[in-house]
Amino acid sequence: MPIVTIQVTREGSGPGRASVTAEEKAKLIAGVSQLLLDVLHKPLESTFVVIEEVDTDNWGWGGLPALEYRKKRAAGGT
């Protein structure tokens, strides 16, 4: 029984969106489930997918909170 966790930042996938839409989540669940069926032959009904939305305050890379890192990259820093 595969369990897949997908983490995304809670900021939406487009302007004016505060989170990933229900339709986008459904597509992620369907796509990951199909991938596990195709690659590992795991039946759809035995695959569990969990989507976690993480506030950008709780997300970071490059030693910085995510939004600060993005600002640095946008300004030409790496």
C-alpha atoms as a PDB file:
ATOM      1  CA  MET A   1       0.000   0.000   0.000  1.00  0.00           C
ATOM      2  CA  PRO A   2       1.880   3.091  -1.178  1.00  0.00           C
ATOM      3  CA  ILE A   3       1.420   6.351   0.671  1.00  0.00           C
ATOM      4  CA  VAL A   4       2.631   9.461  -1.154  1.00  0.00           C
ATOM      5  CA  THR A   5       2.894  12.875   0.494  1.00  0.00           C
ATOM      6  CA  ILE A   6       3.037  15.962  -1.703  1.00  0.00           C
ATOM      7  CA  GLN A   7       4.045  19.218  -0.054  1.00  0.00           C
ATOM      8  CA  VAL A   8       3.342  22.530  -1.740  1.00  0.00           C
ATOM      9  CA  THR A   9       3.551  26.069  -0.497  1.00  0.00           C
ATOM     10  CA  ARG A  10       0.236  27.600   0.484  1.00  0.00           C
ATOM     11  CA  GLU A  11       0.209  30.412  -2.029  1.00  0.00           C
ATOM     12  CA  GLY A  12      -1.839  29.092  -4.865  1.00  0.00           C
ATOM     13  CA  SER A  13      -0.952  28.408  -8.432  1.00  0.00           C
ATOM     14  CA  GLY A  14      -1.972  31.733  -9.889  1.00  0.00           C
ATOM     15  CA  PRO A  15      -2.774  35.352  -9.125  1.00  0.00           C
ATOM     16  CA  GLY A  16      -5.405  35.851  -6.453  1.00  0.00           C
ATOM     17  CA  ARG A  17      -5.295  32.248  -5.253  1.00  0.00           C
ATOM     18  CA  ALA A  18      -4.466  31.530  -1.631  1.00  0.00           C
ATOM     19  CA  SER A  19      -4.085  27.790  -2.072  1.00  0.00           C
ATOM     20  CA  VAL A  20      -4.037  25.001  -4.593  1.00  0.00           C
ATOM     21  CA  THR A  21      -7.534  24.505  -5.997  1.00  0.00           C
ATOM     22  CA  ALA A  22      -9.615  21.385  -5.416  1.00  0.00           C
ATOM     23  CA  GLU A  23      -9.367  20.628  -9.141  1.00  0.00           C
ATOM     24  CA  GLU A  24      -5.562  20.872  -9.070  1.00  0.00           C
ATOM     25  CA  LYS A  25      -5.421  18.605  -6.022  1.00  0.00           C
ATOM     26  CA  ALA A  26      -7.644  16.058  -7.778  1.00  0.00           C
ATOM     27  CA  LYS A  27      -5.301  16.082 -10.784  1.00  0.00           C
ATOM     28  CA  LEU A  28      -2.260  15.593  -8.538  1.00  0.00           C
ATOM     29  CA  ILE A  29      -3.930  12.656  -6.785  1.00  0.00           C
ATOM     30  CA  ALA A  30      -4.991  11.070 -10.076  1.00  0.00           C
ATOM     31  CA  GLY A  31      -1.589  11.607 -11.698  1.00  0.00           C
ATOM     32  CA  VAL A  32       0.470  10.224  -8.826  1.00  0.00           C
ATOM     33  CA  SER A  33      -1.862   7.253  -8.441  1.00  0.00           C
ATOM     34  CA  GLN A  34      -1.635   6.488 -12.161  1.00  0.00           C
ATOM     35  CA  LEU A  35       2.166   6.774 -12.057  1.00  0.00           C
ATOM     36  CA  LEU A  36       2.356   4.206  -9.261  1.00  0.00           C
ATOM     37  CA  LEU A  37       0.057   1.922 -11.216  1.00  0.00           C
ATOM     38  CA  ASP A  38       2.140   2.288 -14.394  1.00  0.00           C
ATOM     39  CA  VAL A  39       5.571   1.935 -12.768  1.00  0.00           C
ATOM     40  CA  LEU A  40       5.026  -0.284  -9.732  1.00  0.00           C
ATOM     41  CA  HIS A  41       1.747  -1.976 -10.732  1.00  0.00           C
ATOM     42  CA  LYS A  42       0.089  -0.752  -7.534  1.00  0.00           C
ATOM     43  CA  PRO A  43      -3.707  -0.769  -7.819  1.00  0.00           C
ATOM     44  CA  LEU A  44      -5.382   2.629  -7.648  1.00  0.00           C
ATOM     45  CA  GLU A  45      -7.527   1.528  -4.711  1.00  0.00           C
ATOM     46  CA  SER A  46      -4.458   0.711  -2.611  1.00  0.00           C
ATOM     47  CA  THR A  47      -2.659   4.029  -3.191  1.00  0.00           C
ATOM     48  CA  PHE A  48      -3.045   6.882  -0.723  1.00  0.00           C
ATOM     49  CA  VAL A  49      -2.028  10.445  -1.592  1.00  0.00           C
ATOM     50  CA  VAL A  50      -1.751  13.203   1.015  1.00  0.00           C
ATOM     51  CA  ILE A  51      -1.381  16.837  -0.032  1.00  0.00           C
ATOM     52  CA  GLU A  52       0.066  19.173   2.572  1.00  0.00           C
ATOM     53  CA  GLU A  53      -0.012  22.908   2.031  1.00  0.00           C
ATOM     54  CA  VAL A  54       2.767  24.644   3.918  1.00  0.00           C
ATOM     55  CA  ASP A  55       2.716  28.354   4.740  1.00  0.00           C
ATOM     56  CA  THR A  56       5.581  30.160   3.035  1.00  0.00           C
ATOM     57  CA  ASP A  57       6.723  31.272   6.516  1.00  0.00           C
ATOM     58  CA  ASN A  58       7.479  27.598   7.194  1.00  0.00           C
ATOM     59  CA  TRP A  59       9.299  26.917   3.938  1.00  0.00           C
ATOM     60  CA  GLY A  60      12.812  27.867   2.982  1.00  0.00           C
ATOM     61  CA  TRP A  61      15.931  26.972   1.059  1.00  0.00           C
ATOM     62  CA  GLY A  62      19.361  28.378   0.500  1.00  0.00           C
ATOM     63  CA  GLY A  63      19.492  29.333   4.178  1.00  0.00           C
ATOM     64  CA  LEU A  64      16.598  31.776   3.817  1.00  0.00           C
ATOM     65  CA  PRO A  65      12.826  31.797   4.191  1.00  0.00           C
ATOM     66  CA  ALA A  66      11.258  31.065   0.788  1.00  0.00           C
ATOM     67  CA  LEU A  67      10.016  34.583   0.048  1.00  0.00           C
ATOM     68  CA  GLU A  68      13.377  36.160   0.947  1.00  0.00           C
ATOM     69  CA  TYR A  69      15.187  33.620  -1.244  1.00  0.00           C
ATOM     70  CA  ARG A  70      12.903  34.427  -4.162  1.00  0.00           C
ATOM     71  CA  LYS A  71      13.486  38.170  -3.714  1.00  0.00           C
ATOM     72  CA  LYS A  72      17.247  37.581  -3.655  1.00  0.00           C
ATOM     73  CA  ARG A  73      17.081  35.528  -6.870  1.00  0.00           C
ATOM     74  CA  ALA A  74      14.835  38.069  -8.573  1.00  0.00           C
ATOM     75  CA  ALA A  75      17.395  40.770  -7.731  1.00  0.00           C
ATOM     76  CA  GLY A  76      20.081  38.730  -9.467  1.00  0.00           C
ATOM     77  CA  GLY A  77      21.627  37.092  -6.413  1.00  0.00           C
ATOM     78  CA  THR A  78      22.126  33.360  -6.188  1.00  0.00           C
END
